[in-house]
Amino acid sequence: MARNYRLIFPLLVLAVPMISLAADETSPDFLRDRGPGIPTSQFGTYIESGQWILYPFYEYSINREEEYHPSELGYVGEQDYFGKIREHEAVLFIGYAFNERWAVEFETEMYVSAEFDRSPLDISAVLARIEESGFAGAEAQLRWMWGSESIRRPAFYSFFEVEFPFQDTRVLIGAQDIEYAIGTGFIKAYEWGTLNGRVSLAYDGGEGQLELGEYALEYLKKLNKKWRVVATLEGEDDDLSFIGEVQFTLSPNAFLKLNSGFGITEKATDFAPELGVLFTF
């Protein structure tokens, strides 16, 4: 049943902007919830022309059913098992918008600590516990806002992402091979909130194949001058999670972001809280 999300959910994401053409023909304030700018890869966050974003944050995650086979960890064996993994991550996100259409972003996992516990059913040579820590890697995105929003039509954007292979000797943190992704999305404002949906295709240099990448449907609502809330369904392959976030404005150029992810399908990360302060310049 979980694998049905691989096809059903991305199709729903792409269908929403078509539905919106016939729905809610009142005259909403498009910028009421999100403000002007290009959508970034950070939940509920948009970047304006000529603006810089600096977002340092901490994330913890735990997955008690992390699927693996021994060969992925450098051992012999192709049978699938479910282990347990815990990670602590210190991450820095930097974004810049060249104009109202084009923006670039860079994200680096400055320090990651990961602990992996082998499945009790695994009788291969995999160690009972594997630990890795240190600099994990970096990725970059180019984002293009190519369709403006109107009363009846959503805004549309596309993005290209590359993850760099800094970890050819480690198996738990970072990327061992270069990875690419290309995707597209829409944004549509309603009286009851703003929707942002996206879907992508990913290419793994190690496996040499193109497959469905990340997909998401995000809901953003500004409650008052200080508070905004975000609710997101996000997935990759048959992993699907729900992420809830609150944003609190500290000053005109800074706001607190606090969110947590909760796994919906069997293989998704069980629990992943995140805390950071986003600055704009």
C-alpha atoms as a PDB file:
ATOM      1  CA  MET A   1       0.000   0.000   0.000  1.00  0.00           C
ATOM      2  CA  ALA A   2       2.807   2.435   0.868  1.00  0.00           C
ATOM      3  CA  ARG A   3       4.256   2.207  -2.625  1.00  0.00           C
ATOM      4  CA  ASN A   4       1.061   3.691  -4.041  1.00  0.00           C
ATOM      5  CA  TYR A   5       2.272   7.083  -2.802  1.00  0.00           C
ATOM      6  CA  ARG A   6       5.015   6.964  -5.455  1.00  0.00           C
ATOM      7  CA  LEU A   7       2.414   7.607  -8.148  1.00  0.00           C
ATOM      8  CA  ILE A   8      -0.696   8.940  -6.435  1.00  0.00           C
ATOM      9  CA  PHE A   9       0.793  11.794  -4.425  1.00  0.00           C
ATOM     10  CA  PRO A  10       2.906  13.395  -7.197  1.00  0.00           C
ATOM     11  CA  LEU A  11      -0.139  13.296  -9.474  1.00  0.00           C
ATOM     12  CA  LEU A  12      -2.180  15.094  -6.822  1.00  0.00           C
ATOM     13  CA  VAL A  13       0.555  17.717  -6.508  1.00  0.00           C
ATOM     14  CA  LEU A  14       0.411  18.410 -10.232  1.00  0.00           C
ATOM     15  CA  ALA A  15      -3.390  18.360 -10.286  1.00  0.00           C
ATOM     16  CA  VAL A  16      -3.900  21.060  -7.653  1.00  0.00           C
ATOM     17  CA  PRO A  17      -2.972  24.036  -9.877  1.00  0.00           C
ATOM     18  CA  MET A  18      -5.432  22.816 -12.501  1.00  0.00           C
ATOM     19  CA  ILE A  19      -8.188  22.622  -9.905  1.00  0.00           C
ATOM     20  CA  SER A  20      -7.332  26.116  -8.708  1.00  0.00           C
ATOM     21  CA  LEU A  21      -8.122  27.572 -12.134  1.00  0.00           C
ATOM     22  CA  ALA A  22     -11.796  27.009 -11.413  1.00  0.00           C
ATOM     23  CA  ALA A  23     -11.764  27.567  -7.639  1.00  0.00           C
ATOM     24  CA  ASP A  24     -11.953  30.678  -5.452  1.00  0.00           C
ATOM     25  CA  GLU A  25     -12.340  33.465  -7.979  1.00  0.00           C
ATOM     26  CA  THR A  26     -12.461  36.147  -5.288  1.00  0.00           C
ATOM     27  CA  SER A  27      -9.582  38.619  -5.302  1.00  0.00           C
ATOM     28  CA  PRO A  28      -7.120  37.367  -2.652  1.00  0.00           C
ATOM     29  CA  ASP A  29      -4.073  39.291  -1.537  1.00  0.00           C
ATOM     30  CA  PHE A  30      -1.380  36.994  -3.008  1.00  0.00           C
ATOM     31  CA  LEU A  31       1.293  38.198  -0.624  1.00  0.00           C
ATOM     32  CA  ARG A  32      -0.727  38.108   2.579  1.00  0.00           C
ATOM     33  CA  ASP A  33       0.748  34.826   3.854  1.00  0.00           C
ATOM     34  CA  ARG A  34       4.151  34.623   2.197  1.00  0.00           C
ATOM     35  CA  GLY A  35       5.266  38.090   1.117  1.00  0.00           C
ATOM     36  CA  PRO A  36       6.974  38.732  -2.221  1.00  0.00           C
ATOM     37  CA  GLY A  37       9.785  36.632  -3.614  1.00  0.00           C
ATOM     38  CA  ILE A  38      10.899  33.275  -4.970  1.00  0.00           C
ATOM     39  CA  PRO A  39      10.170  30.089  -2.993  1.00  0.00           C
ATOM     40  CA  THR A  40      13.248  28.500  -1.429  1.00  0.00           C
ATOM     41  CA  SER A  41      13.741  24.884  -0.390  1.00  0.00           C
ATOM     42  CA  GLN A  42      13.113  25.907   3.238  1.00  0.00           C
ATOM     43  CA  PHE A  43       9.522  25.465   4.435  1.00  0.00           C
ATOM     44  CA  GLY A  44       7.394  28.598   4.128  1.00  0.00           C
ATOM     45  CA  THR A  45      10.372  30.761   3.145  1.00  0.00           C
ATOM     46  CA  TYR A  46      10.605  33.150   0.193  1.00  0.00           C
ATOM     47  CA  ILE A  47      13.501  35.329  -0.970  1.00  0.00           C
ATOM     48  CA  GLU A  48      13.156  38.785  -2.538  1.00  0.00           C
ATOM     49  CA  SER A  49      15.164  40.407  -5.315  1.00  0.00           C
ATOM     50  CA  GLY A  50      18.617  41.453  -4.092  1.00  0.00           C
ATOM     51  CA  GLN A  51      18.109  39.768  -0.733  1.00  0.00           C
ATOM     52  CA  TRP A  52      20.429  37.440   1.167  1.00  0.00           C
ATOM     53  CA  ILE A  53      19.189  34.709   3.530  1.00  0.00           C
ATOM     54  CA  LEU A  54      21.356  33.192   6.238  1.00  0.00           C
ATOM     55  CA  TYR A  55      19.816  30.291   8.151  1.00  0.00           C
ATOM     56  CA  PRO A  56      21.875  28.267  10.640  1.00  0.00           C
ATOM     57  CA  PHE A  57      19.887  25.416  12.183  1.00  0.00           C
ATOM     58  CA  TYR A  58      20.120  22.206  14.169  1.00  0.00           C
ATOM     59  CA  GLU A  59      18.258  19.010  13.313  1.00  0.00           C
ATOM     60  CA  TYR A  60      17.902  15.699  15.126  1.00  0.00           C
ATOM     61  CA  SER A  61      16.434  12.611  13.482  1.00  0.00           C
ATOM     62  CA  ILE A  62      15.749   9.029  14.423  1.00  0.00           C
ATOM     63  CA  ASN A  63      14.504   6.150  12.297  1.00  0.00           C
ATOM     64  CA  ARG A  64      13.919   2.765  13.920  1.00  0.00           C
ATOM     65  CA  GLU A  65      13.272   1.064  10.569  1.00  0.00           C
ATOM     66  CA  GLU A  66      16.121   2.270   8.380  1.00  0.00           C
ATOM     67  CA  GLU A  67      16.199  -0.027   5.351  1.00  0.00           C
ATOM     68  CA  TYR A  68      19.639  -1.205   4.247  1.00  0.00           C
ATOM     69  CA  HIS A  69      21.520  -4.135   2.779  1.00  0.00           C
ATOM     70  CA  PRO A  70      25.099  -4.982   3.864  1.00  0.00           C
ATOM     71  CA  SER A  71      26.701  -4.014   0.539  1.00  0.00           C
ATOM     72  CA  GLU A  72      25.561  -0.407   1.066  1.00  0.00           C
ATOM     73  CA  LEU A  73      27.713  -0.345   4.213  1.00  0.00           C
ATOM     74  CA  GLY A  74      30.776  -1.876   2.588  1.00  0.00           C
ATOM     75  CA  TYR A  75      30.064  -5.533   3.432  1.00  0.00           C
ATOM     76  CA  VAL A  76      28.920  -8.587   1.468  1.00  0.00           C
ATOM     77  CA  GLY A  77      25.197  -9.172   1.139  1.00  0.00           C
ATOM     78  CA  GLU A  78      22.193  -7.908  -0.813  1.00  0.00           C
ATOM     79  CA  GLN A  79      19.385  -8.946   1.522  1.00  0.00           C
ATOM     80  CA  ASP A  80      17.279  -6.098   2.918  1.00  0.00           C
ATOM     81  CA  TYR A  81      17.182  -5.467   6.666  1.00  0.00           C
ATOM     82  CA  PHE A  82      15.846  -2.759   8.950  1.00  0.00           C
ATOM     83  CA  GLY A  83      18.280  -1.124  11.357  1.00  0.00           C
ATOM     84  CA  LYS A  84      18.131   1.949  13.579  1.00  0.00           C
ATOM     85  CA  ILE A  85      19.833   5.275  12.882  1.00  0.00           C
ATOM     86  CA  ARG A  86      20.154   8.507  14.887  1.00  0.00           C
ATOM     87  CA  GLU A  87      21.648  11.740  13.576  1.00  0.00           C
ATOM     88  CA  HIS A  88      22.548  15.171  14.933  1.00  0.00           C
ATOM     89  CA  GLU A  89      23.141  17.824  12.259  1.00  0.00           C
ATOM     90  CA  ALA A  90      24.441  21.401  12.332  1.00  0.00           C
ATOM     91  CA  VAL A  91      23.505  22.937   8.990  1.00  0.00           C
ATOM     92  CA  LEU A  92      24.025  26.318   7.307  1.00  0.00           C
ATOM     93  CA  PHE A  93      21.724  27.539   4.525  1.00  0.00           C
ATOM     94  CA  ILE A  94      22.611  30.562   2.362  1.00  0.00           C
ATOM     95  CA  GLY A  95      20.386  32.035  -0.342  1.00  0.00           C
ATOM     96  CA  TYR A  96      20.558  34.995  -2.699  1.00  0.00           C
ATOM     97  CA  ALA A  97      18.046  36.340  -5.252  1.00  0.00           C
ATOM     98  CA  PHE A  98      19.549  37.993  -8.332  1.00  0.00           C
ATOM     99  CA  ASN A  99      16.196  39.494  -9.302  1.00  0.00           C
ATOM    100  CA  GLU A 100      12.480  38.656  -9.176  1.00  0.00           C
ATOM    101  CA  ARG A 101      12.962  35.546 -11.333  1.00  0.00           C
ATOM    102  CA  TRP A 102      16.279  33.907 -10.414  1.00  0.00           C
ATOM    103  CA  ALA A 103      17.782  32.820  -7.100  1.00  0.00           C
ATOM    104  CA  VAL A 104      20.564  30.539  -5.935  1.00  0.00           C
ATOM    105  CA  GLU A 105      20.949  28.667  -2.661  1.00  0.00           C
ATOM    106  CA  PHE A 106      23.690  26.715  -0.950  1.00  0.00           C
ATOM    107  CA  GLU A 107      23.332  24.328   1.997  1.00  0.00           C
ATOM    108  CA  THR A 108      26.138  22.630   3.873  1.00  0.00           C
ATOM    109  CA  GLU A 109      26.023  20.051   6.656  1.00  0.00           C
ATOM    110  CA  MET A 110      28.879  21.540   8.667  1.00  0.00           C
ATOM    111  CA  TYR A 111      28.862  18.794  11.294  1.00  0.00           C
ATOM    112  CA  VAL A 112      26.906  15.532  11.455  1.00  0.00           C
ATOM    113  CA  SER A 113      27.054  12.794  14.069  1.00  0.00           C
ATOM    114  CA  ALA A 114      25.417   9.499  13.069  1.00  0.00           C
ATOM    115  CA  GLU A 115      24.941   6.195  14.925  1.00  0.00           C
ATOM    116  CA  PHE A 116      23.661   3.096  13.137  1.00  0.00           C
ATOM    117  CA  ASP A 117      22.566  -0.093  14.898  1.00  0.00           C
ATOM    118  CA  ARG A 118      22.459  -3.293  12.851  1.00  0.00           C
ATOM    119  CA  SER A 119      19.258  -5.313  12.565  1.00  0.00           C
ATOM    120  CA  PRO A 120      19.138  -8.260  15.014  1.00  0.00           C
ATOM    121  CA  LEU A 121      18.211 -10.443  12.011  1.00  0.00           C
ATOM    122  CA  ASP A 122      21.363  -9.476  10.113  1.00  0.00           C
ATOM    123  CA  ILE A 123      23.920 -12.302  10.375  1.00  0.00           C
ATOM    124  CA  SER A 124      26.394 -10.723   7.950  1.00  0.00           C
ATOM    125  CA  ALA A 125      29.734  -9.169   8.942  1.00  0.00           C
ATOM    126  CA  VAL A 126      28.151  -5.723   9.460  1.00  0.00           C
ATOM    127  CA  LEU A 127      29.256  -4.284  12.813  1.00  0.00           C
ATOM    128  CA  ALA A 128      26.629  -4.160  15.544  1.00  0.00           C
ATOM    129  CA  ARG A 129      27.086  -0.386  15.678  1.00  0.00           C
ATOM    130  CA  ILE A 130      28.631   1.999  13.139  1.00  0.00           C
ATOM    131  CA  GLU A 131      29.426   5.591  14.097  1.00  0.00           C
ATOM    132  CA  GLU A 132      30.524   8.465  11.859  1.00  0.00           C
ATOM    133  CA  SER A 133      30.893  12.185  12.468  1.00  0.00           C
ATOM    134  CA  GLY A 134      32.341  15.330  10.930  1.00  0.00           C
ATOM    135  CA  PHE A 135      31.706  17.457   7.855  1.00  0.00           C
ATOM    136  CA  ALA A 136      29.074  15.694   5.754  1.00  0.00           C
ATOM    137  CA  GLY A 137      28.630  17.540   2.474  1.00  0.00           C
ATOM    138  CA  ALA A 138      27.009  20.342   0.514  1.00  0.00           C
ATOM    139  CA  GLU A 139      24.403  20.935  -2.144  1.00  0.00           C
ATOM    140  CA  ALA A 140      23.388  23.868  -4.341  1.00  0.00           C
ATOM    141  CA  GLN A 141      20.204  24.879  -6.146  1.00  0.00           C
ATOM    142  CA  LEU A 142      19.291  27.278  -8.926  1.00  0.00           C
ATOM    143  CA  ARG A 143      15.646  28.414  -8.751  1.00  0.00           C
ATOM    144  CA  TRP A 144      13.613  30.094 -11.491  1.00  0.00           C
ATOM    145  CA  MET A 145      10.237  31.802 -11.033  1.00  0.00           C
ATOM    146  CA  TRP A 146       8.793  31.604 -14.551  1.00  0.00           C
ATOM    147  CA  GLY A 147       5.061  32.162 -14.095  1.00  0.00           C
ATOM    148  CA  SER A 148       3.384  34.959 -12.113  1.00  0.00           C
ATOM    149  CA  GLU A 149       0.269  34.429 -10.039  1.00  0.00           C
ATOM    150  CA  SER A 150      -3.082  35.982 -10.902  1.00  0.00           C
ATOM    151  CA  ILE A 151      -6.595  35.662  -9.487  1.00  0.00           C
ATOM    152  CA  ARG A 152      -7.215  32.479 -11.475  1.00  0.00           C
ATOM    153  CA  ARG A 153      -3.713  31.206 -12.241  1.00  0.00           C
ATOM    154  CA  PRO A 154      -1.033  29.889  -9.851  1.00  0.00           C
ATOM    155  CA  ALA A 155       2.562  31.043  -9.935  1.00  0.00           C
ATOM    156  CA  PHE A 156       5.001  28.465 -11.342  1.00  0.00           C
ATOM    157  CA  TYR A 157       8.677  27.847 -10.658  1.00  0.00           C
ATOM    158  CA  SER A 158      11.388  25.299 -11.457  1.00  0.00           C
ATOM    159  CA  PHE A 159      14.670  24.304  -9.827  1.00  0.00           C
ATOM    160  CA  PHE A 160      17.867  22.415 -10.497  1.00  0.00           C
ATOM    161  CA  GLU A 161      19.806  20.813  -7.618  1.00  0.00           C
ATOM    162  CA  VAL A 162      23.205  19.177  -7.333  1.00  0.00           C
ATOM    163  CA  GLU A 163      24.590  17.348  -4.281  1.00  0.00           C
ATOM    164  CA  PHE A 164      28.361  17.041  -4.221  1.00  0.00           C
ATOM    165  CA  PRO A 165      30.137  13.734  -3.369  1.00  0.00           C
ATOM    166  CA  PHE A 166      32.400  14.620  -0.452  1.00  0.00           C
ATOM    167  CA  GLN A 167      32.169  11.239   1.318  1.00  0.00           C
ATOM    168  CA  ASP A 168      33.698   8.480  -0.760  1.00  0.00           C
ATOM    169  CA  THR A 169      34.967   6.635   2.342  1.00  0.00           C
ATOM    170  CA  ARG A 170      31.943   7.024   4.632  1.00  0.00           C
ATOM    171  CA  VAL A 171      28.634   5.216   4.426  1.00  0.00           C
ATOM    172  CA  LEU A 172      26.291   7.003   6.860  1.00  0.00           C
ATOM    173  CA  ILE A 173      26.790  10.717   6.234  1.00  0.00           C
ATOM    174  CA  GLY A 174      26.943  12.835   3.093  1.00  0.00           C
ATOM    175  CA  ALA A 175      26.853  11.646  -0.519  1.00  0.00           C
ATOM    176  CA  GLN A 176      29.241   9.073  -1.986  1.00  0.00           C
ATOM    177  CA  ASP A 177      28.348   9.912  -5.611  1.00  0.00           C
ATOM    178  CA  ILE A 178      27.166  13.072  -7.313  1.00  0.00           C
ATOM    179  CA  GLU A 179      23.395  13.461  -7.375  1.00  0.00           C
ATOM    180  CA  TYR A 180      21.201  15.732  -9.488  1.00  0.00           C
ATOM    181  CA  ALA A 181      17.538  16.711  -9.330  1.00  0.00           C
ATOM    182  CA  ILE A 182      15.286  18.818 -11.524  1.00  0.00           C
ATOM    183  CA  GLY A 183      11.779  19.778 -10.559  1.00  0.00           C
ATOM    184  CA  THR A 184       8.864  22.157 -10.892  1.00  0.00           C
ATOM    185  CA  GLY A 185       6.201  23.538  -8.617  1.00  0.00           C
ATOM    186  CA  PHE A 186       3.293  25.933  -8.200  1.00  0.00           C
ATOM    187  CA  ILE A 187       2.094  28.489  -5.635  1.00  0.00           C
ATOM    188  CA  LYS A 188      -1.547  29.509  -5.187  1.00  0.00           C
ATOM    189  CA  ALA A 189      -3.050  31.847  -2.594  1.00  0.00           C
ATOM    190  CA  TYR A 190      -6.529  31.405  -1.154  1.00  0.00           C
ATOM    191  CA  GLU A 191      -8.477  33.157   1.569  1.00  0.00           C
ATOM    192  CA  TRP A 192      -7.754  30.202   3.852  1.00  0.00           C
ATOM    193  CA  GLY A 193      -3.992  29.980   3.174  1.00  0.00           C
ATOM    194  CA  THR A 194      -1.348  29.480   0.500  1.00  0.00           C
ATOM    195  CA  LEU A 195      -0.447  26.190  -1.206  1.00  0.00           C
ATOM    196  CA  ASN A 196       2.994  25.354  -2.598  1.00  0.00           C
ATOM    197  CA  GLY A 197       3.378  22.024  -4.387  1.00  0.00           C
ATOM    198  CA  ARG A 198       6.411  20.545  -6.117  1.00  0.00           C
ATOM    199  CA  VAL A 199       7.653  17.346  -7.718  1.00  0.00           C
ATOM    200  CA  SER A 200      11.087  16.393  -9.058  1.00  0.00           C
ATOM    201  CA  LEU A 201      13.131  13.807 -10.922  1.00  0.00           C
ATOM    202  CA  ALA A 202      16.477  12.689  -9.453  1.00  0.00           C
ATOM    203  CA  TYR A 203      19.601  11.162 -10.958  1.00  0.00           C
ATOM    204  CA  ASP A 204      22.034   9.182  -8.791  1.00  0.00           C
ATOM    205  CA  GLY A 205      25.523   9.085 -10.291  1.00  0.00           C
ATOM    206  CA  GLY A 206      26.371   5.875  -8.423  1.00  0.00           C
ATOM    207  CA  GLU A 207      23.375   3.898  -9.654  1.00  0.00           C
ATOM    208  CA  GLY A 208      23.250   5.689 -13.009  1.00  0.00           C
ATOM    209  CA  GLN A 209      19.480   5.909 -13.188  1.00  0.00           C
ATOM    210  CA  LEU A 210      16.721   8.518 -13.247  1.00  0.00           C
ATOM    211  CA  GLU A 211      13.863   8.145 -10.791  1.00  0.00           C
ATOM    212  CA  LEU A 212      11.151  10.034  -8.954  1.00  0.00           C
ATOM    213  CA  GLY A 213      12.763  12.479  -6.536  1.00  0.00           C
ATOM    214  CA  GLU A 214      11.264  14.497  -3.696  1.00  0.00           C
ATOM    215  CA  TYR A 215       7.651  15.676  -3.859  1.00  0.00           C
ATOM    216  CA  ALA A 216       5.762  17.889  -1.447  1.00  0.00           C
ATOM    217  CA  LEU A 217       2.575  19.807  -0.807  1.00  0.00           C
ATOM    218  CA  GLU A 218       2.953  22.718   1.620  1.00  0.00           C
ATOM    219  CA  TYR A 219       0.314  24.845   3.370  1.00  0.00           C
ATOM    220  CA  LEU A 220       1.288  28.271   4.741  1.00  0.00           C
ATOM    221  CA  LYS A 221      -0.886  30.590   6.858  1.00  0.00           C
ATOM    222  CA  LYS A 222      -0.017  33.924   8.456  1.00  0.00           C
ATOM    223  CA  LEU A 223      -1.921  34.166  11.735  1.00  0.00           C
ATOM    224  CA  ASN A 224      -0.896  37.693  12.724  1.00  0.00           C
ATOM    225  CA  LYS A 225       2.105  40.060  12.560  1.00  0.00           C
ATOM    226  CA  LYS A 226       4.264  37.688  14.626  1.00  0.00           C
ATOM    227  CA  TRP A 227       3.194  34.135  13.855  1.00  0.00           C
ATOM    228  CA  ARG A 228       2.969  31.935  10.763  1.00  0.00           C
ATOM    229  CA  VAL A 229       2.309  28.194  10.548  1.00  0.00           C
ATOM    230  CA  VAL A 230       3.342  25.671   7.907  1.00  0.00           C
ATOM    231  CA  ALA A 231       2.039  22.129   7.330  1.00  0.00           C
ATOM    232  CA  THR A 232       3.750  19.945   4.732  1.00  0.00           C
ATOM    233  CA  LEU A 233       3.441  16.471   3.275  1.00  0.00           C
ATOM    234  CA  GLU A 234       6.858  15.537   1.877  1.00  0.00           C
ATOM    235  CA  GLY A 235       8.063  12.304   0.347  1.00  0.00           C
ATOM    236  CA  GLU A 236      10.659  10.539  -1.734  1.00  0.00           C
ATOM    237  CA  ASP A 237       9.990   7.184  -3.358  1.00  0.00           C
ATOM    238  CA  ASP A 238       7.639   5.433  -0.874  1.00  0.00           C
ATOM    239  CA  ASP A 239       8.845   7.443   2.161  1.00  0.00           C
ATOM    240  CA  LEU A 240       6.192   9.977   3.208  1.00  0.00           C
ATOM    241  CA  SER A 241       6.359  12.345   6.188  1.00  0.00           C
ATOM    242  CA  PHE A 242       4.286  15.108   7.728  1.00  0.00           C
ATOM    243  CA  ILE A 243       6.155  18.245   8.830  1.00  0.00           C
ATOM    244  CA  GLY A 244       4.607  20.916  11.033  1.00  0.00           C
ATOM    245  CA  GLU A 245       6.346  24.268  11.555  1.00  0.00           C
ATOM    246  CA  VAL A 246       5.795  27.499  13.463  1.00  0.00           C
ATOM    247  CA  GLN A 247       7.578  30.742  12.590  1.00  0.00           C
ATOM    248  CA  PHE A 248       7.885  33.619  15.066  1.00  0.00           C
ATOM    249  CA  THR A 249       9.084  37.063  13.965  1.00  0.00           C
ATOM    250  CA  LEU A 250      11.900  38.323  16.194  1.00  0.00           C
ATOM    251  CA  SER A 251      12.631  41.498  14.193  1.00  0.00           C
ATOM    252  CA  PRO A 252      12.030  42.816  10.649  1.00  0.00           C
ATOM    253  CA  ASN A 253      15.125  40.839   9.544  1.00  0.00           C
ATOM    254  CA  ALA A 254      14.958  37.675  11.653  1.00  0.00           C
ATOM    255  CA  PHE A 255      12.496  34.975  12.586  1.00  0.00           C
ATOM    256  CA  LEU A 256      12.582  31.773  14.583  1.00  0.00           C
ATOM    257  CA  LYS A 257      11.756  28.500  12.792  1.00  0.00           C
ATOM    258  CA  LEU A 258      10.731  25.444  14.802  1.00  0.00           C
ATOM    259  CA  ASN A 259       9.457  22.330  13.096  1.00  0.00           C
ATOM    260  CA  SER A 260       9.278  18.589  13.374  1.00  0.00           C
ATOM    261  CA  GLY A 261       8.793  15.771  10.895  1.00  0.00           C
ATOM    262  CA  PHE A 262       6.810  12.613  11.615  1.00  0.00           C
ATOM    263  CA  GLY A 263       6.992   9.508   9.454  1.00  0.00           C
ATOM    264  CA  ILE A 264       3.729   8.347   7.879  1.00  0.00           C
ATOM    265  CA  THR A 265       4.888   5.344   5.869  1.00  0.00           C
ATOM    266  CA  GLU A 266       6.915   2.445   7.256  1.00  0.00           C
ATOM    267  CA  LYS A 267      10.377   3.453   5.993  1.00  0.00           C
ATOM    268  CA  ALA A 268      10.111   7.201   6.591  1.00  0.00           C
ATOM    269  CA  THR A 269      12.122   8.853   9.381  1.00  0.00           C
ATOM    270  CA  ASP A 270      10.144   8.467  12.609  1.00  0.00           C
ATOM    271  CA  PHE A 271      10.884  11.831  14.234  1.00  0.00           C
ATOM    272  CA  ALA A 272      12.944  14.812  13.041  1.00  0.00           C
ATOM    273  CA  PRO A 273      12.760  18.103  14.993  1.00  0.00           C
ATOM    274  CA  GLU A 274      14.561  21.219  13.717  1.00  0.00           C
ATOM    275  CA  LEU A 275      15.339  24.588  15.307  1.00  0.00           C
ATOM    276  CA  GLY A 276      16.998  27.664  13.816  1.00  0.00           C
ATOM    277  CA  VAL A 277      16.908  31.424  13.319  1.00  0.00           C
ATOM    278  CA  LEU A 278      16.645  32.811   9.790  1.00  0.00           C
ATOM    279  CA  PHE A 279      18.224  36.182   9.005  1.00  0.00           C
ATOM    280  CA  THR A 280      17.629  38.365   5.924  1.00  0.00           C
ATOM    281  CA  PHE A 281      19.914  41.134   4.613  1.00  0.00           C
END
